[in-house]
Amino acid sequence: MTERQLLLKRVQICDFALNDAALFLDTHPEDADALAYYKRQLESRMAVVADFEEKFGPLTKGAYDGGPRWRWVDDPWPWQTEEEK
């Protein structure tokens, strides 16, 4: 597994954990442990996304860095596999 694939997998893991925790929090909005877990997962996701974007470019269109070039069109796009470059 390439580093790019590994980072994308880590983003997916964080997203799953965030969605799962959000579903729980929908029915238990005052659960401090669940809220702390959600915050930790959100921080983890932000760190992984920052690492991915530093090494491989934007993960979403919303990651525009203010630079003079629209890097979103640079390949490969996040959903492309290594074989599709």
PDB file of N, CA and C in Angstrom:
ATOM      1  N   MET A   1       0.850  -1.171   0.000  1.00  0.00           N
ATOM      2  CA  MET A   1       0.000   0.000   0.000  1.00  0.00           C
ATOM      3  C   MET A   1       0.898   1.238   0.000  1.00  0.00           C
ATOM      4  N   THR A   2       0.616   2.165  -0.913  1.00  0.00           N
ATOM      5  CA  THR A   2       1.406   3.396  -0.980  1.00  0.00           C
ATOM      6  C   THR A   2       1.049   4.324   0.178  1.00  0.00           C
ATOM      7  N   GLU A   3       1.894   5.312   0.411  1.00  0.00           N
ATOM      8  CA  GLU A   3       1.611   6.281   1.472  1.00  0.00           C
ATOM      9  C   GLU A   3       0.311   7.027   1.186  1.00  0.00           C
ATOM     10  N   ARG A   4       0.085   7.346  -0.073  1.00  0.00           N
ATOM     11  CA  ARG A   4      -1.144   8.037  -0.471  1.00  0.00           C
ATOM     12  C   ARG A   4      -2.371   7.191  -0.128  1.00  0.00           C
ATOM     13  N   GLN A   5      -2.328   5.913  -0.474  1.00  0.00           N
ATOM     14  CA  GLN A   5      -3.437   5.016  -0.173  1.00  0.00           C
ATOM     15  C   GLN A   5      -3.638   4.879   1.335  1.00  0.00           C
ATOM     16  N   LEU A   6      -2.541   4.800   2.064  1.00  0.00           N
ATOM     17  CA  LEU A   6      -2.620   4.666   3.517  1.00  0.00           C
ATOM     18  C   LEU A   6      -3.272   5.897   4.151  1.00  0.00           C
ATOM     19  N   LEU A   7      -2.885   7.085   3.700  1.00  0.00           N
ATOM     20  CA  LEU A   7      -3.473   8.306   4.243  1.00  0.00           C
ATOM     21  C   LEU A   7      -4.964   8.404   3.905  1.00  0.00           C
ATOM     22  N   LEU A   8      -5.329   8.030   2.680  1.00  0.00           N
ATOM     23  CA  LEU A   8      -6.745   8.041   2.317  1.00  0.00           C
ATOM     24  C   LEU A   8      -7.535   7.053   3.171  1.00  0.00           C
ATOM     25  N   LYS A   9      -6.960   5.901   3.444  1.00  0.00           N
ATOM     26  CA  LYS A   9      -7.610   4.911   4.307  1.00  0.00           C
ATOM     27  C   LYS A   9      -7.789   5.480   5.717  1.00  0.00           C
ATOM     28  N   ARG A  10      -6.788   6.187   6.209  1.00  0.00           N
ATOM     29  CA  ARG A  10      -6.891   6.798   7.544  1.00  0.00           C
ATOM     30  C   ARG A  10      -7.985   7.860   7.587  1.00  0.00           C
ATOM     31  N   VAL A  11      -8.143   8.634   6.509  1.00  0.00           N
ATOM     32  CA  VAL A  11      -9.232   9.613   6.436  1.00  0.00           C
ATOM     33  C   VAL A  11     -10.577   8.885   6.491  1.00  0.00           C
ATOM     34  N   GLN A  12     -10.694   7.797   5.752  1.00  0.00           N
ATOM     35  CA  GLN A  12     -11.935   7.023   5.756  1.00  0.00           C
ATOM     36  C   GLN A  12     -12.243   6.460   7.146  1.00  0.00           C
ATOM     37  N   ILE A  13     -11.232   5.998   7.832  1.00  0.00           N
ATOM     38  CA  ILE A  13     -11.426   5.467   9.189  1.00  0.00           C
ATOM     39  C   ILE A  13     -11.925   6.571  10.116  1.00  0.00           C
ATOM     40  N   CYS A  14     -11.301   7.737  10.035  1.00  0.00           N
ATOM     41  CA  CYS A  14     -11.738   8.864  10.862  1.00  0.00           C
ATOM     42  C   CYS A  14     -13.166   9.267  10.518  1.00  0.00           C
ATOM     43  N   ASP A  15     -13.493   9.316   9.237  1.00  0.00           N
ATOM     44  CA  ASP A  15     -14.847   9.678   8.825  1.00  0.00           C
ATOM     45  C   ASP A  15     -15.875   8.690   9.373  1.00  0.00           C
ATOM     46  N   PHE A  16     -15.553   7.398   9.319  1.00  0.00           N
ATOM     47  CA  PHE A  16     -16.461   6.391   9.853  1.00  0.00           C
ATOM     48  C   PHE A  16     -16.676   6.610  11.347  1.00  0.00           C
ATOM     49  N   ALA A  17     -15.588   6.820  12.072  1.00  0.00           N
ATOM     50  CA  ALA A  17     -15.686   7.024  13.519  1.00  0.00           C
ATOM     51  C   ALA A  17     -16.489   8.287  13.838  1.00  0.00           C
ATOM     52  N   LEU A  18     -16.274   9.353  13.072  1.00  0.00           N
ATOM     53  CA  LEU A  18     -17.027  10.592  13.286  1.00  0.00           C
ATOM     54  C   LEU A  18     -18.514  10.393  13.023  1.00  0.00           C
ATOM     55  N   ASN A  19     -18.843   9.716  11.945  1.00  0.00           N
ATOM     56  CA  ASN A  19     -20.256   9.470  11.636  1.00  0.00           C
ATOM     57  C   ASN A  19     -20.914   8.603  12.697  1.00  0.00           C
ATOM     58  N   ASP A  20     -20.208   7.583  13.135  1.00  0.00           N
ATOM     59  CA  ASP A  20     -20.741   6.693  14.160  1.00  0.00           C
ATOM     60  C   ASP A  20     -20.964   7.446  15.470  1.00  0.00           C
ATOM     61  N   ALA A  21     -19.999   8.253  15.857  1.00  0.00           N
ATOM     62  CA  ALA A  21     -20.125   9.037  17.089  1.00  0.00           C
ATOM     63  C   ALA A  21     -21.249  10.067  16.969  1.00  0.00           C
ATOM     64  N   ALA A  22     -21.399  10.670  15.793  1.00  0.00           N
ATOM     65  CA  ALA A  22     -22.460  11.658  15.591  1.00  0.00           C
ATOM     66  C   ALA A  22     -23.835  11.018  15.731  1.00  0.00           C
ATOM     67  N   LEU A  23     -23.988   9.810  15.208  1.00  0.00           N
ATOM     68  CA  LEU A  23     -25.262   9.100  15.363  1.00  0.00           C
ATOM     69  C   LEU A  23     -25.565   8.860  16.842  1.00  0.00           C
ATOM     70  N   PHE A  24     -24.560   8.458  17.596  1.00  0.00           N
ATOM     71  CA  PHE A  24     -24.748   8.240  19.032  1.00  0.00           C
ATOM     72  C   PHE A  24     -25.096   9.553  19.731  1.00  0.00           C
ATOM     73  N   LEU A  25     -24.381  10.621  19.372  1.00  0.00           N
ATOM     74  CA  LEU A  25     -24.621  11.919  20.004  1.00  0.00           C
ATOM     75  C   LEU A  25     -26.005  12.482  19.656  1.00  0.00           C
ATOM     76  N   ASP A  26     -26.557  12.070  18.522  1.00  0.00           N
ATOM     77  CA  ASP A  26     -27.911  12.513  18.178  1.00  0.00           C
ATOM     78  C   ASP A  26     -28.927  12.067  19.220  1.00  0.00           C
ATOM     79  N   THR A  27     -28.671  10.930  19.843  1.00  0.00           N
ATOM     80  CA  THR A  27     -29.604  10.412  20.846  1.00  0.00           C
ATOM     81  C   THR A  27     -29.083  10.575  22.276  1.00  0.00           C
ATOM     82  N   HIS A  28     -27.826  10.965  22.416  1.00  0.00           N
ATOM     83  CA  HIS A  28     -27.209  11.158  23.728  1.00  0.00           C
ATOM     84  C   HIS A  28     -26.390  12.455  23.714  1.00  0.00           C
ATOM     85  N   PRO A  29     -27.032  13.595  23.474  1.00  0.00           N
ATOM     86  CA  PRO A  29     -26.297  14.847  23.239  1.00  0.00           C
ATOM     87  C   PRO A  29     -25.490  15.360  24.426  1.00  0.00           C
ATOM     88  N   GLU A  30     -25.741  14.848  25.609  1.00  0.00           N
ATOM     89  CA  GLU A  30     -25.015  15.340  26.777  1.00  0.00           C
ATOM     90  C   GLU A  30     -23.978  14.343  27.290  1.00  0.00           C
ATOM     91  N   ASP A  31     -23.702  13.311  26.523  1.00  0.00           N
ATOM     92  CA  ASP A  31     -22.730  12.300  26.933  1.00  0.00           C
ATOM     93  C   ASP A  31     -21.319  12.879  26.756  1.00  0.00           C
ATOM     94  N   ALA A  32     -20.683  13.230  27.858  1.00  0.00           N
ATOM     95  CA  ALA A  32     -19.373  13.886  27.818  1.00  0.00           C
ATOM     96  C   ALA A  32     -18.297  12.987  27.211  1.00  0.00           C
ATOM     97  N   ASP A  33     -18.350  11.692  27.502  1.00  0.00           N
ATOM     98  CA  ASP A  33     -17.349  10.772  26.940  1.00  0.00           C
ATOM     99  C   ASP A  33     -17.488  10.671  25.432  1.00  0.00           C
ATOM    100  N   ALA A  34     -18.716  10.600  24.952  1.00  0.00           N
ATOM    101  CA  ALA A  34     -18.951  10.514  23.506  1.00  0.00           C
ATOM    102  C   ALA A  34     -18.511  11.799  22.819  1.00  0.00           C
ATOM    103  N   LEU A  35     -18.788  12.919  23.439  1.00  0.00           N
ATOM    104  CA  LEU A  35     -18.384  14.200  22.861  1.00  0.00           C
ATOM    105  C   LEU A  35     -16.862  14.330  22.835  1.00  0.00           C
ATOM    106  N   ALA A  36     -16.196  13.876  23.882  1.00  0.00           N
ATOM    107  CA  ALA A  36     -14.728  13.896  23.906  1.00  0.00           C
ATOM    108  C   ALA A  36     -14.162  12.987  22.819  1.00  0.00           C
ATOM    109  N   TYR A  37     -14.786  11.820  22.633  1.00  0.00           N
ATOM    110  CA  TYR A  37     -14.362  10.888  21.577  1.00  0.00           C
ATOM    111  C   TYR A  37     -14.519  11.550  20.222  1.00  0.00           C
ATOM    112  N   TYR A  38     -15.655  12.207  19.992  1.00  0.00           N
ATOM    113  CA  TYR A  38     -15.891  12.892  18.720  1.00  0.00           C
ATOM    114  C   TYR A  38     -14.810  13.950  18.477  1.00  0.00           C
ATOM    115  N   LYS A  39     -14.498  14.731  19.483  1.00  0.00           N
ATOM    116  CA  LYS A  39     -13.480  15.775  19.347  1.00  0.00           C
ATOM    117  C   LYS A  39     -12.116  15.179  19.006  1.00  0.00           C
ATOM    118  N   ARG A  40     -11.751  14.071  19.665  1.00  0.00           N
ATOM    119  CA  ARG A  40     -10.464  13.417  19.364  1.00  0.00           C
ATOM    120  C   ARG A  40     -10.434  12.920  17.922  1.00  0.00           C
ATOM    121  N   GLN A  41     -11.530  12.330  17.469  1.00  0.00           N
ATOM    122  CA  GLN A  41     -11.581  11.832  16.095  1.00  0.00           C
ATOM    123  C   GLN A  41     -11.526  12.981  15.097  1.00  0.00           C
ATOM    124  N   LEU A  42     -12.185  14.090  15.421  1.00  0.00           N
ATOM    125  CA  LEU A  42     -12.152  15.253  14.546  1.00  0.00           C
ATOM    126  C   LEU A  42     -10.736  15.817  14.448  1.00  0.00           C
ATOM    127  N   GLU A  43     -10.038  15.888  15.573  1.00  0.00           N
ATOM    128  CA  GLU A  43      -8.645  16.355  15.560  1.00  0.00           C
ATOM    129  C   GLU A  43      -7.759  15.406  14.756  1.00  0.00           C
ATOM    130  N   SER A  44      -7.984  14.110  14.903  1.00  0.00           N
ATOM    131  CA  SER A  44      -7.218  13.123  14.143  1.00  0.00           C
ATOM    132  C   SER A  44      -7.461  13.299  12.651  1.00  0.00           C
ATOM    133  N   ARG A  45      -8.726  13.476  12.277  1.00  0.00           N
ATOM    134  CA  ARG A  45      -9.051  13.648  10.865  1.00  0.00           C
ATOM    135  C   ARG A  45      -8.387  14.899  10.307  1.00  0.00           C
ATOM    136  N   MET A  46      -8.457  15.982  11.052  1.00  0.00           N
ATOM    137  CA  MET A  46      -7.845  17.226  10.588  1.00  0.00           C
ATOM    138  C   MET A  46      -6.345  17.049  10.381  1.00  0.00           C
ATOM    139  N   ALA A  47      -5.687  16.328  11.265  1.00  0.00           N
ATOM    140  CA  ALA A  47      -4.242  16.095  11.143  1.00  0.00           C
ATOM    141  C   ALA A  47      -3.933  15.219   9.932  1.00  0.00           C
ATOM    142  N   VAL A  48      -4.724  14.182   9.721  1.00  0.00           N
ATOM    143  CA  VAL A  48      -4.490  13.287   8.580  1.00  0.00           C
ATOM    144  C   VAL A  48      -4.742  14.020   7.270  1.00  0.00           C
ATOM    145  N   VAL A  49      -5.817  14.802   7.214  1.00  0.00           N
ATOM    146  CA  VAL A  49      -6.121  15.565   6.001  1.00  0.00           C
ATOM    147  C   VAL A  49      -5.006  16.569   5.724  1.00  0.00           C
ATOM    148  N   ALA A  50      -4.521  17.247   6.741  1.00  0.00           N
ATOM    149  CA  ALA A  50      -3.426  18.207   6.557  1.00  0.00           C
ATOM    150  C   ALA A  50      -2.180  17.504   6.024  1.00  0.00           C
ATOM    151  N   ASP A  51      -1.882  16.330   6.554  1.00  0.00           N
ATOM    152  CA  ASP A  51      -0.736  15.543   6.091  1.00  0.00           C
ATOM    153  C   ASP A  51      -0.926  15.145   4.631  1.00  0.00           C
ATOM    154  N   PHE A  52      -2.117  14.641   4.292  1.00  0.00           N
ATOM    155  CA  PHE A  52      -2.392  14.244   2.910  1.00  0.00           C
ATOM    156  C   PHE A  52      -2.231  15.432   1.973  1.00  0.00           C
ATOM    157  N   GLU A  53      -2.847  16.570   2.322  1.00  0.00           N
ATOM    158  CA  GLU A  53      -2.829  17.727   1.433  1.00  0.00           C
ATOM    159  C   GLU A  53      -1.433  18.316   1.278  1.00  0.00           C
ATOM    160  N   GLU A  54      -0.629  18.227   2.310  1.00  0.00           N
ATOM    161  CA  GLU A  54       0.748  18.703   2.205  1.00  0.00           C
ATOM    162  C   GLU A  54       1.543  17.853   1.216  1.00  0.00           C
ATOM    163  N   LYS A  55       1.301  16.558   1.230  1.00  0.00           N
ATOM    164  CA  LYS A  55       2.076  15.640   0.398  1.00  0.00           C
ATOM    165  C   LYS A  55       1.490  15.421  -0.992  1.00  0.00           C
ATOM    166  N   PHE A  56       0.142  15.444  -1.107  1.00  0.00           N
ATOM    167  CA  PHE A  56      -0.481  15.017  -2.358  1.00  0.00           C
ATOM    168  C   PHE A  56      -1.459  16.015  -2.955  1.00  0.00           C
ATOM    169  N   GLY A  57      -1.624  17.174  -2.339  1.00  0.00           N
ATOM    170  CA  GLY A  57      -2.542  18.170  -2.875  1.00  0.00           C
ATOM    171  C   GLY A  57      -3.909  18.096  -2.214  1.00  0.00           C
ATOM    172  N   PRO A  58      -4.833  18.938  -2.684  1.00  0.00           N
ATOM    173  CA  PRO A  58      -6.134  19.068  -2.043  1.00  0.00           C
ATOM    174  C   PRO A  58      -6.938  17.772  -2.037  1.00  0.00           C
ATOM    175  N   LEU A  59      -7.597  17.539  -0.923  1.00  0.00           N
ATOM    176  CA  LEU A  59      -8.470  16.375  -0.788  1.00  0.00           C
ATOM    177  C   LEU A  59      -9.881  16.728  -1.243  1.00  0.00           C
ATOM    178  N   THR A  60     -10.261  17.988  -1.086  1.00  0.00           N
ATOM    179  CA  THR A  60     -11.560  18.486  -1.543  1.00  0.00           C
ATOM    180  C   THR A  60     -11.353  19.846  -2.194  1.00  0.00           C
ATOM    181  N   LYS A  61     -12.356  20.292  -2.938  1.00  0.00           N
ATOM    182  CA  LYS A  61     -12.270  21.609  -3.568  1.00  0.00           C
ATOM    183  C   LYS A  61     -12.186  22.715  -2.524  1.00  0.00           C
ATOM    184  N   GLY A  62     -12.747  22.470  -1.360  1.00  0.00           N
ATOM    185  CA  GLY A  62     -12.730  23.458  -0.294  1.00  0.00           C
ATOM    186  C   GLY A  62     -11.357  23.683   0.310  1.00  0.00           C
ATOM    187  N   ALA A  63     -10.371  22.921  -0.121  1.00  0.00           N
ATOM    188  CA  ALA A  63      -9.022  23.033   0.423  1.00  0.00           C
ATOM    189  C   ALA A  63      -8.174  24.054  -0.346  1.00  0.00           C
ATOM    190  N   TYR A  64      -8.808  24.919  -1.109  1.00  0.00           N
ATOM    191  CA  TYR A  64      -8.075  25.950  -1.847  1.00  0.00           C
ATOM    192  C   TYR A  64      -7.171  26.721  -0.901  1.00  0.00           C
ATOM    193  N   ASP A  65      -5.916  26.848  -1.268  1.00  0.00           N
ATOM    194  CA  ASP A  65      -4.923  27.453  -0.380  1.00  0.00           C
ATOM    195  C   ASP A  65      -4.673  28.932  -0.642  1.00  0.00           C
ATOM    196  N   GLY A  66      -5.428  29.530  -1.533  1.00  0.00           N
ATOM    197  CA  GLY A  66      -5.276  30.953  -1.811  1.00  0.00           C
ATOM    198  C   GLY A  66      -4.178  31.259  -2.814  1.00  0.00           C
ATOM    199  N   GLY A  67      -3.518  30.234  -3.301  1.00  0.00           N
ATOM    200  CA  GLY A  67      -2.420  30.424  -4.236  1.00  0.00           C
ATOM    201  C   GLY A  67      -2.873  30.843  -5.616  1.00  0.00           C
ATOM    202  N   PRO A  68      -1.915  31.106  -6.501  1.00  0.00           N
ATOM    203  CA  PRO A  68      -2.228  31.602  -7.837  1.00  0.00           C
ATOM    204  C   PRO A  68      -2.716  30.516  -8.800  1.00  0.00           C
ATOM    205  N   ARG A  69      -2.685  29.272  -8.363  1.00  0.00           N
ATOM    206  CA  ARG A  69      -3.067  28.160  -9.247  1.00  0.00           C
ATOM    207  C   ARG A  69      -4.148  27.327  -8.595  1.00  0.00           C
ATOM    208  N   TRP A  70      -5.142  26.913  -9.385  1.00  0.00           N
ATOM    209  CA  TRP A  70      -6.223  26.032  -8.933  1.00  0.00           C
ATOM    210  C   TRP A  70      -5.698  24.605  -8.994  1.00  0.00           C
ATOM    211  N   ARG A  71      -5.121  24.133  -7.872  1.00  0.00           N
ATOM    212  CA  ARG A  71      -4.444  22.840  -7.838  1.00  0.00           C
ATOM    213  C   ARG A  71      -5.389  21.652  -7.875  1.00  0.00           C
ATOM    214  N   TRP A  72      -6.687  21.887  -7.721  1.00  0.00           N
ATOM    215  CA  TRP A  72      -7.641  20.781  -7.704  1.00  0.00           C
ATOM    216  C   TRP A  72      -7.562  19.949  -8.987  1.00  0.00           C
ATOM    217  N   VAL A  73      -7.206  20.556 -10.091  1.00  0.00           N
ATOM    218  CA  VAL A  73      -7.175  19.839 -11.368  1.00  0.00           C
ATOM    219  C   VAL A  73      -5.905  19.018 -11.557  1.00  0.00           C
ATOM    220  N   ASP A  74      -4.928  19.198 -10.681  1.00  0.00           N
ATOM    221  CA  ASP A  74      -3.713  18.394 -10.774  1.00  0.00           C
ATOM    222  C   ASP A  74      -4.058  16.943 -10.447  1.00  0.00           C
ATOM    223  N   ASP A  75      -3.441  16.037 -11.172  1.00  0.00           N
ATOM    224  CA  ASP A  75      -3.780  14.637 -10.920  1.00  0.00           C
ATOM    225  C   ASP A  75      -2.748  13.994 -10.020  1.00  0.00           C
ATOM    226  N   PRO A  76      -3.054  12.878  -9.402  1.00  0.00           N
ATOM    227  CA  PRO A  76      -4.351  12.200  -9.462  1.00  0.00           C
ATOM    228  C   PRO A  76      -5.323  12.820  -8.471  1.00  0.00           C
ATOM    229  N   TRP A  77      -6.595  12.744  -8.789  1.00  0.00           N
ATOM    230  CA  TRP A  77      -7.613  13.217  -7.864  1.00  0.00           C
ATOM    231  C   TRP A  77      -7.752  12.213  -6.735  1.00  0.00           C
ATOM    232  N   PRO A  78      -8.265  12.646  -5.589  1.00  0.00           N
ATOM    233  CA  PRO A  78      -8.291  11.766  -4.414  1.00  0.00           C
ATOM    234  C   PRO A  78      -8.947  10.407  -4.643  1.00  0.00           C
ATOM    235  N   TRP A  79      -9.938  10.322  -5.492  1.00  0.00           N
ATOM    236  CA  TRP A  79     -10.638   9.049  -5.690  1.00  0.00           C
ATOM    237  C   TRP A  79      -9.983   8.159  -6.736  1.00  0.00           C
ATOM    238  N   GLN A  80      -8.983   8.660  -7.439  1.00  0.00           N
ATOM    239  CA  GLN A  80      -8.316   7.859  -8.450  1.00  0.00           C
ATOM    240  C   GLN A  80      -7.299   6.919  -7.794  1.00  0.00           C
ATOM    241  N   THR A  81      -7.175   5.746  -8.371  1.00  0.00           N
ATOM    242  CA  THR A  81      -6.168   4.812  -7.903  1.00  0.00           C
ATOM    243  C   THR A  81      -4.860   5.095  -8.621  1.00  0.00           C
ATOM    244  N   GLU A  82      -3.802   4.479  -8.145  1.00  0.00           N
ATOM    245  CA  GLU A  82      -2.488   4.673  -8.762  1.00  0.00           C
ATOM    246  C   GLU A  82      -2.515   4.276 -10.255  1.00  0.00           C
ATOM    247  N   GLU A  83      -3.295   3.272 -10.585  1.00  0.00           N
ATOM    248  CA  GLU A  83      -3.353   2.784 -11.962  1.00  0.00           C
ATOM    249  C   GLU A  83      -4.067   3.758 -12.896  1.00  0.00           C
ATOM    250  N   GLU A  84      -4.876   4.655 -12.354  1.00  0.00           N
ATOM    251  CA  GLU A  84      -5.676   5.569 -13.163  1.00  0.00           C
ATOM    252  C   GLU A  84      -4.992   6.908 -13.432  1.00  0.00           C
ATOM    253  N   LYS A  85      -3.766   7.076 -12.999  1.00  0.00           N
ATOM    254  CA  LYS A  85      -3.059   8.359 -13.175  1.00  0.00           C
ATOM    255  C   LYS A  85      -2.985   8.740 -14.616  1.00  0.00           C
TER     256      LYS A  85
END
